[in-house]
Amino acid sequence: MSDPALQLSGLHKTYNKGRPGEVEVLRGIDLTVHPGEVVALVAPSGAGKSTLLHIAGLLDTPDAGQVRLGGRDMTGQSDRARTAARRAEIGFIYQFHHLLPEFTAAENVVLPQLANGIPAARAAARADTLLAGVGVAARAHHRPAALSGGEQQRVAFCRALANAPRLLLADEPTGNLDPETSDQVFAALLALVAGTGLAALIATHNLALAARMDRVIRLDAGRLTP
């Protein structure tokens, strides 16, 4: 059996530690996400879901606990090692697409591959394949300003998967879209995940979307519950 794509053990995180206004955001978080699994993370505003995603994505460090990525303990790794792991093994999607406006849709998907040392021709071919997979191949050579909100977010999905990560982390990936577009874009995201077999942890307030995932977990008062 393959190692879990993501394993969090005993995570604690407190802001303003030891000072007035101290806030304990995470209180002993344990979570395992396996390859091919799509997990919904549901939490009220301010519950710490973004903190949890940032720690899982190696953008932040816990006060205590362990983060394992593909079986590798990332706790205490150097900044260089964490950066390399983020680039090669983790894809990020946010509520806003954050595409580079001066580049086309295809170029936005090519650039992270070039940063990871992928030859230009191979990067371009993968960008074409990913964009076709979410139905925006005809828009590949348009800049973000010429794309609809749904198209922009589909391109952002492709960018997140450009380097074939083992783990996808998404924070309200359809939260900026109208309900119909949200449903269409989310279906495209699930199709991408199913086609690659990667693991995905997706934070959302949308309970209807959460119900379409393999498993739903809830974060409240710093703890996870099924």
C-alpha atoms as a PDB file:
ATOM      1  CA  MET A   1       0.000   0.000   0.000  1.00  0.00           C
ATOM      2  CA  SER A   2       1.360   3.437  -0.897  1.00  0.00           C
ATOM      3  CA  ASP A   3       2.146   6.036   1.735  1.00  0.00           C
ATOM      4  CA  PRO A   4      -0.523   8.636   2.498  1.00  0.00           C
ATOM      5  CA  ALA A   5      -0.158  11.737   0.344  1.00  0.00           C
ATOM      6  CA  LEU A   6      -0.563  13.867   3.483  1.00  0.00           C
ATOM      7  CA  GLN A   7      -0.372  12.944   7.144  1.00  0.00           C
ATOM      8  CA  LEU A   8      -0.785  15.498   9.924  1.00  0.00           C
ATOM      9  CA  SER A   9      -0.122  14.364  13.480  1.00  0.00           C
ATOM     10  CA  GLY A  10      -0.722  16.298  16.682  1.00  0.00           C
ATOM     11  CA  LEU A  11      -0.649  19.751  15.116  1.00  0.00           C
ATOM     12  CA  HIS A  12      -0.879  22.734  17.454  1.00  0.00           C
ATOM     13  CA  LYS A  13      -0.757  26.376  16.452  1.00  0.00           C
ATOM     14  CA  THR A  14      -1.186  29.449  18.662  1.00  0.00           C
ATOM     15  CA  TYR A  15      -0.973  33.079  17.605  1.00  0.00           C
ATOM     16  CA  ASN A  16       0.334  35.767  19.988  1.00  0.00           C
ATOM     17  CA  LYS A  17       1.639  32.954  22.163  1.00  0.00           C
ATOM     18  CA  GLY A  18       2.269  34.022  25.742  1.00  0.00           C
ATOM     19  CA  ARG A  19       0.850  37.490  25.141  1.00  0.00           C
ATOM     20  CA  PRO A  20      -2.502  39.181  25.692  1.00  0.00           C
ATOM     21  CA  GLY A  21      -4.929  38.138  22.997  1.00  0.00           C
ATOM     22  CA  GLU A  22      -3.384  34.678  22.592  1.00  0.00           C
ATOM     23  CA  VAL A  23      -5.452  32.536  20.208  1.00  0.00           C
ATOM     24  CA  GLU A  24      -5.076  28.763  20.054  1.00  0.00           C
ATOM     25  CA  VAL A  25      -6.133  28.002  16.481  1.00  0.00           C
ATOM     26  CA  LEU A  26      -5.225  24.315  16.149  1.00  0.00           C
ATOM     27  CA  ARG A  27      -5.459  21.926  19.097  1.00  0.00           C
ATOM     28  CA  GLY A  28      -3.985  18.555  18.248  1.00  0.00           C
ATOM     29  CA  ILE A  29      -4.994  18.029  14.620  1.00  0.00           C
ATOM     30  CA  ASP A  30      -4.648  14.514  13.167  1.00  0.00           C
ATOM     31  CA  LEU A  31      -5.507  13.996   9.507  1.00  0.00           C
ATOM     32  CA  THR A  32      -4.556  11.522   6.787  1.00  0.00           C
ATOM     33  CA  VAL A  33      -5.373  11.979   3.097  1.00  0.00           C
ATOM     34  CA  HIS A  34      -4.642   9.119   0.702  1.00  0.00           C
ATOM     35  CA  PRO A  35      -3.810   9.209  -3.025  1.00  0.00           C
ATOM     36  CA  GLY A  36      -6.988   9.447  -5.082  1.00  0.00           C
ATOM     37  CA  GLU A  37      -9.034  10.769  -2.161  1.00  0.00           C
ATOM     38  CA  VAL A  38     -10.904  14.090  -2.197  1.00  0.00           C
ATOM     39  CA  VAL A  39     -11.570  15.407   1.313  1.00  0.00           C
ATOM     40  CA  ALA A  40     -13.802  18.372   2.107  1.00  0.00           C
ATOM     41  CA  LEU A  41     -12.746  20.635   4.974  1.00  0.00           C
ATOM     42  CA  VAL A  42     -15.741  22.549   6.321  1.00  0.00           C
ATOM     43  CA  ALA A  43     -15.242  25.271   8.912  1.00  0.00           C
ATOM     44  CA  PRO A  44     -16.868  28.502  10.079  1.00  0.00           C
ATOM     45  CA  SER A  45     -15.039  31.746   9.347  1.00  0.00           C
ATOM     46  CA  GLY A  46     -12.082  32.268  11.638  1.00  0.00           C
ATOM     47  CA  ALA A  47     -11.913  28.607  12.683  1.00  0.00           C
ATOM     48  CA  GLY A  48      -8.387  28.179  11.326  1.00  0.00           C
ATOM     49  CA  LYS A  49      -8.917  26.374   8.021  1.00  0.00           C
ATOM     50  CA  SER A  50      -6.489  28.643   6.169  1.00  0.00           C
ATOM     51  CA  THR A  51      -3.898  28.088   8.904  1.00  0.00           C
ATOM     52  CA  LEU A  52      -4.370  24.336   8.577  1.00  0.00           C
ATOM     53  CA  LEU A  53      -4.002  24.490   4.791  1.00  0.00           C
ATOM     54  CA  HIS A  54      -0.897  26.690   5.069  1.00  0.00           C
ATOM     55  CA  ILE A  55       0.747  24.235   7.460  1.00  0.00           C
ATOM     56  CA  ALA A  56      -0.223  21.258   5.275  1.00  0.00           C
ATOM     57  CA  GLY A  57       1.191  23.135   2.275  1.00  0.00           C
ATOM     58  CA  LEU A  58       4.486  23.927   4.052  1.00  0.00           C
ATOM     59  CA  LEU A  59       3.806  27.666   3.947  1.00  0.00           C
ATOM     60  CA  ASP A  60       3.683  27.850   7.743  1.00  0.00           C
ATOM     61  CA  THR A  61       5.023  25.728  10.608  1.00  0.00           C
ATOM     62  CA  PRO A  62       3.139  24.340  13.611  1.00  0.00           C
ATOM     63  CA  ASP A  63       4.155  24.992  17.199  1.00  0.00           C
ATOM     64  CA  ALA A  64       4.055  21.233  17.723  1.00  0.00           C
ATOM     65  CA  GLY A  65       3.235  18.186  15.647  1.00  0.00           C
ATOM     66  CA  GLN A  66       4.354  16.587  12.438  1.00  0.00           C
ATOM     67  CA  VAL A  67       3.658  17.053   8.724  1.00  0.00           C
ATOM     68  CA  ARG A  68       4.448  14.103   6.458  1.00  0.00           C
ATOM     69  CA  LEU A  69       4.235  14.421   2.684  1.00  0.00           C
ATOM     70  CA  GLY A  70       4.267  11.134   0.789  1.00  0.00           C
ATOM     71  CA  GLY A  71       5.727   9.452   3.849  1.00  0.00           C
ATOM     72  CA  ARG A  72       8.521  12.012   4.218  1.00  0.00           C
ATOM     73  CA  ASP A  73       8.678  13.925   7.491  1.00  0.00           C
ATOM     74  CA  MET A  74       8.862  17.615   6.614  1.00  0.00           C
ATOM     75  CA  THR A  75       9.168  18.721  10.233  1.00  0.00           C
ATOM     76  CA  GLY A  76      12.398  20.618  10.740  1.00  0.00           C
ATOM     77  CA  GLN A  77      13.359  20.539   7.056  1.00  0.00           C
ATOM     78  CA  SER A  78      15.306  23.507   5.709  1.00  0.00           C
ATOM     79  CA  ASP A  79      13.556  26.349   3.900  1.00  0.00           C
ATOM     80  CA  ARG A  80      15.170  25.167   0.667  1.00  0.00           C
ATOM     81  CA  ALA A  81      13.840  21.625   1.097  1.00  0.00           C
ATOM     82  CA  ARG A  82      10.357  22.897   1.949  1.00  0.00           C
ATOM     83  CA  THR A  83      10.354  25.198  -1.078  1.00  0.00           C
ATOM     84  CA  ALA A  84      11.435  22.353  -3.362  1.00  0.00           C
ATOM     85  CA  ALA A  85       8.690  20.116  -1.962  1.00  0.00           C
ATOM     86  CA  ARG A  86       6.043  22.816  -2.459  1.00  0.00           C
ATOM     87  CA  ARG A  87       7.106  23.367  -6.048  1.00  0.00           C
ATOM     88  CA  ALA A  88       7.208  19.716  -7.045  1.00  0.00           C
ATOM     89  CA  GLU A  89       4.652  17.984  -4.839  1.00  0.00           C
ATOM     90  CA  ILE A  90       1.892  20.439  -3.869  1.00  0.00           C
ATOM     91  CA  GLY A  91      -0.618  22.350  -5.962  1.00  0.00           C
ATOM     92  CA  PHE A  92      -2.494  25.339  -4.538  1.00  0.00           C
ATOM     93  CA  ILE A  93      -5.847  26.806  -5.594  1.00  0.00           C
ATOM     94  CA  TYR A  94      -7.370  29.876  -3.969  1.00  0.00           C
ATOM     95  CA  GLN A  95     -10.740  31.633  -4.090  1.00  0.00           C
ATOM     96  CA  PHE A  96      -9.283  34.209  -6.501  1.00  0.00           C
ATOM     97  CA  HIS A  97      -7.389  32.861  -9.489  1.00  0.00           C
ATOM     98  CA  HIS A  98      -4.244  35.053  -9.143  1.00  0.00           C
ATOM     99  CA  LEU A  99      -3.293  34.466 -12.785  1.00  0.00           C
ATOM    100  CA  LEU A 100      -0.481  36.612 -14.169  1.00  0.00           C
ATOM    101  CA  PRO A 101      -2.347  39.163 -16.309  1.00  0.00           C
ATOM    102  CA  GLU A 102       0.396  39.745 -18.867  1.00  0.00           C
ATOM    103  CA  PHE A 103       0.553  36.072 -19.868  1.00  0.00           C
ATOM    104  CA  THR A 104      -1.916  33.890 -21.750  1.00  0.00           C
ATOM    105  CA  ALA A 105      -3.809  31.027 -20.159  1.00  0.00           C
ATOM    106  CA  ALA A 106      -1.336  28.527 -21.623  1.00  0.00           C
ATOM    107  CA  GLU A 107       1.649  30.553 -20.484  1.00  0.00           C
ATOM    108  CA  ASN A 108       0.255  30.703 -16.942  1.00  0.00           C
ATOM    109  CA  VAL A 109       0.270  26.897 -16.926  1.00  0.00           C
ATOM    110  CA  VAL A 110       3.692  26.642 -18.558  1.00  0.00           C
ATOM    111  CA  LEU A 111       5.532  29.010 -16.192  1.00  0.00           C
ATOM    112  CA  PRO A 112       5.462  26.856 -13.025  1.00  0.00           C
ATOM    113  CA  GLN A 113       6.758  23.952 -15.069  1.00  0.00           C
ATOM    114  CA  LEU A 114       9.672  25.998 -16.362  1.00  0.00           C
ATOM    115  CA  ALA A 115      10.463  27.002 -12.767  1.00  0.00           C
ATOM    116  CA  ASN A 116      10.577  23.293 -11.954  1.00  0.00           C
ATOM    117  CA  GLY A 117      13.077  22.577 -14.726  1.00  0.00           C
ATOM    118  CA  ILE A 118      10.667  21.100 -17.293  1.00  0.00           C
ATOM    119  CA  PRO A 119      11.734  21.685 -20.932  1.00  0.00           C
ATOM    120  CA  ALA A 120       9.610  24.303 -22.700  1.00  0.00           C
ATOM    121  CA  ALA A 121       8.164  21.982 -25.362  1.00  0.00           C
ATOM    122  CA  ARG A 122       7.106  19.413 -22.789  1.00  0.00           C
ATOM    123  CA  ALA A 123       5.635  22.124 -20.554  1.00  0.00           C
ATOM    124  CA  ALA A 124       3.609  23.538 -23.439  1.00  0.00           C
ATOM    125  CA  ALA A 125       2.278  20.089 -24.360  1.00  0.00           C
ATOM    126  CA  ARG A 126       1.178  19.438 -20.779  1.00  0.00           C
ATOM    127  CA  ALA A 127      -0.483  22.861 -20.596  1.00  0.00           C
ATOM    128  CA  ASP A 128      -2.466  22.062 -23.749  1.00  0.00           C
ATOM    129  CA  THR A 129      -3.559  18.698 -22.315  1.00  0.00           C
ATOM    130  CA  LEU A 130      -4.660  20.170 -18.988  1.00  0.00           C
ATOM    131  CA  LEU A 131      -6.545  23.076 -20.543  1.00  0.00           C
ATOM    132  CA  ALA A 132      -8.337  20.717 -22.922  1.00  0.00           C
ATOM    133  CA  GLY A 133      -9.291  18.567 -19.936  1.00  0.00           C
ATOM    134  CA  VAL A 134     -11.272  21.416 -18.370  1.00  0.00           C
ATOM    135  CA  GLY A 135     -12.802  22.631 -21.613  1.00  0.00           C
ATOM    136  CA  VAL A 136     -10.835  25.819 -22.219  1.00  0.00           C
ATOM    137  CA  ALA A 137      -8.471  24.691 -24.996  1.00  0.00           C
ATOM    138  CA  ALA A 138     -10.014  27.263 -27.346  1.00  0.00           C
ATOM    139  CA  ARG A 139      -9.082  30.013 -24.874  1.00  0.00           C
ATOM    140  CA  ALA A 140      -5.485  28.912 -24.350  1.00  0.00           C
ATOM    141  CA  HIS A 141      -3.979  31.945 -26.076  1.00  0.00           C
ATOM    142  CA  HIS A 142      -6.178  34.554 -24.403  1.00  0.00           C
ATOM    143  CA  ARG A 143      -4.990  36.632 -21.487  1.00  0.00           C
ATOM    144  CA  PRO A 144      -6.950  36.455 -18.206  1.00  0.00           C
ATOM    145  CA  ALA A 145      -8.782  39.755 -18.851  1.00  0.00           C
ATOM    146  CA  ALA A 146     -10.422  38.151 -21.885  1.00  0.00           C
ATOM    147  CA  LEU A 147     -11.644  35.125 -19.924  1.00  0.00           C
ATOM    148  CA  SER A 148     -14.779  34.717 -17.836  1.00  0.00           C
ATOM    149  CA  GLY A 149     -14.494  34.124 -14.089  1.00  0.00           C
ATOM    150  CA  GLY A 150     -15.170  30.431 -14.543  1.00  0.00           C
ATOM    151  CA  GLU A 151     -12.581  30.146 -17.305  1.00  0.00           C
ATOM    152  CA  GLN A 152      -9.989  31.943 -15.200  1.00  0.00           C
ATOM    153  CA  GLN A 153     -10.536  29.552 -12.314  1.00  0.00           C
ATOM    154  CA  ARG A 154     -10.261  26.524 -14.607  1.00  0.00           C
ATOM    155  CA  VAL A 155      -6.912  27.844 -15.787  1.00  0.00           C
ATOM    156  CA  ALA A 156      -5.898  28.253 -12.133  1.00  0.00           C
ATOM    157  CA  PHE A 157      -6.770  24.582 -11.577  1.00  0.00           C
ATOM    158  CA  CYS A 158      -4.537  23.614 -14.496  1.00  0.00           C
ATOM    159  CA  ARG A 159      -1.708  25.767 -13.152  1.00  0.00           C
ATOM    160  CA  ALA A 160      -2.002  24.022  -9.768  1.00  0.00           C
ATOM    161  CA  LEU A 161      -1.670  20.634 -11.469  1.00  0.00           C
ATOM    162  CA  ALA A 162       1.031  21.680 -13.912  1.00  0.00           C
ATOM    163  CA  ASN A 163       3.871  19.931 -12.085  1.00  0.00           C
ATOM    164  CA  ALA A 164       1.860  16.752 -11.424  1.00  0.00           C
ATOM    165  CA  PRO A 165       1.768  17.213  -7.627  1.00  0.00           C
ATOM    166  CA  ARG A 166       0.888  14.420  -5.214  1.00  0.00           C
ATOM    167  CA  LEU A 167      -1.317  16.775  -3.162  1.00  0.00           C
ATOM    168  CA  LEU A 168      -3.804  19.486  -4.100  1.00  0.00           C
ATOM    169  CA  LEU A 169      -4.818  22.071  -1.486  1.00  0.00           C
ATOM    170  CA  ALA A 170      -7.734  24.368  -2.275  1.00  0.00           C
ATOM    171  CA  ASP A 171      -9.190  27.204  -0.197  1.00  0.00           C
ATOM    172  CA  GLU A 172     -12.752  28.053  -1.300  1.00  0.00           C
ATOM    173  CA  PRO A 173     -11.879  27.367  -4.964  1.00  0.00           C
ATOM    174  CA  THR A 174     -15.363  28.241  -6.251  1.00  0.00           C
ATOM    175  CA  GLY A 175     -16.275  30.835  -3.634  1.00  0.00           C
ATOM    176  CA  ASN A 176     -15.996  33.744  -6.062  1.00  0.00           C
ATOM    177  CA  LEU A 177     -18.325  32.237  -8.685  1.00  0.00           C
ATOM    178  CA  ASP A 178     -22.099  32.212  -9.177  1.00  0.00           C
ATOM    179  CA  PRO A 179     -23.829  28.915  -8.256  1.00  0.00           C
ATOM    180  CA  GLU A 180     -24.181  27.566 -11.806  1.00  0.00           C
ATOM    181  CA  THR A 181     -20.589  28.378 -12.768  1.00  0.00           C
ATOM    182  CA  SER A 182     -19.388  27.071  -9.409  1.00  0.00           C
ATOM    183  CA  ASP A 183     -21.037  23.719 -10.072  1.00  0.00           C
ATOM    184  CA  GLN A 184     -19.532  23.459 -13.556  1.00  0.00           C
ATOM    185  CA  VAL A 185     -16.062  24.460 -12.419  1.00  0.00           C
ATOM    186  CA  PHE A 186     -16.168  22.108  -9.451  1.00  0.00           C
ATOM    187  CA  ALA A 187     -17.136  19.233 -11.744  1.00  0.00           C
ATOM    188  CA  ALA A 188     -14.101  20.072 -13.872  1.00  0.00           C
ATOM    189  CA  LEU A 189     -11.901  20.047 -10.759  1.00  0.00           C
ATOM    190  CA  LEU A 190     -13.178  16.626  -9.677  1.00  0.00           C
ATOM    191  CA  ALA A 191     -12.572  15.291 -13.188  1.00  0.00           C
ATOM    192  CA  LEU A 192      -8.990  16.563 -13.103  1.00  0.00           C
ATOM    193  CA  VAL A 193      -8.375  14.972  -9.713  1.00  0.00           C
ATOM    194  CA  ALA A 194      -9.938  11.669 -10.798  1.00  0.00           C
ATOM    195  CA  GLY A 195      -7.798  11.648 -13.927  1.00  0.00           C
ATOM    196  CA  THR A 196      -4.542  12.098 -12.029  1.00  0.00           C
ATOM    197  CA  GLY A 197      -5.130  10.076  -8.843  1.00  0.00           C
ATOM    198  CA  LEU A 198      -3.675  12.767  -6.602  1.00  0.00           C
ATOM    199  CA  ALA A 199      -5.005  13.560  -3.133  1.00  0.00           C
ATOM    200  CA  ALA A 200      -7.029  16.708  -2.547  1.00  0.00           C
ATOM    201  CA  LEU A 201      -7.978  18.639   0.579  1.00  0.00           C
ATOM    202  CA  ILE A 202     -10.576  21.264  -0.309  1.00  0.00           C
ATOM    203  CA  ALA A 203     -11.870  23.888   2.123  1.00  0.00           C
ATOM    204  CA  THR A 204     -15.376  25.073   1.350  1.00  0.00           C
ATOM    205  CA  HIS A 205     -18.453  26.642   2.927  1.00  0.00           C
ATOM    206  CA  ASN A 206     -20.616  25.040   0.252  1.00  0.00           C
ATOM    207  CA  LEU A 207     -22.171  21.960   1.857  1.00  0.00           C
ATOM    208  CA  ALA A 208     -23.630  20.771  -1.449  1.00  0.00           C
ATOM    209  CA  LEU A 209     -20.158  20.698  -2.989  1.00  0.00           C
ATOM    210  CA  ALA A 210     -18.691  19.099   0.131  1.00  0.00           C
ATOM    211  CA  ALA A 211     -21.233  16.283  -0.131  1.00  0.00           C
ATOM    212  CA  ARG A 212     -19.848  15.384  -3.573  1.00  0.00           C
ATOM    213  CA  MET A 213     -16.416  14.618  -2.143  1.00  0.00           C
ATOM    214  CA  ASP A 214     -15.222  11.305  -0.741  1.00  0.00           C
ATOM    215  CA  ARG A 215     -15.197  12.456   2.857  1.00  0.00           C
ATOM    216  CA  VAL A 216     -16.204  15.519   4.876  1.00  0.00           C
ATOM    217  CA  ILE A 217     -14.349  16.685   7.988  1.00  0.00           C
ATOM    218  CA  ARG A 218     -15.175  19.699  10.115  1.00  0.00           C
ATOM    219  CA  LEU A 219     -12.841  22.069  11.912  1.00  0.00           C
ATOM    220  CA  ASP A 220     -14.280  23.866  14.910  1.00  0.00           C
ATOM    221  CA  ALA A 221     -12.707  25.175  18.122  1.00  0.00           C
ATOM    222  CA  GLY A 222      -9.328  23.999  16.890  1.00  0.00           C
ATOM    223  CA  ARG A 223     -10.301  20.350  16.483  1.00  0.00           C
ATOM    224  CA  LEU A 224     -11.375  18.087  13.618  1.00  0.00           C
ATOM    225  CA  THR A 225     -14.570  16.048  13.687  1.00  0.00           C
ATOM    226  CA  PRO A 226     -16.041  13.714  11.022  1.00  0.00           C
END
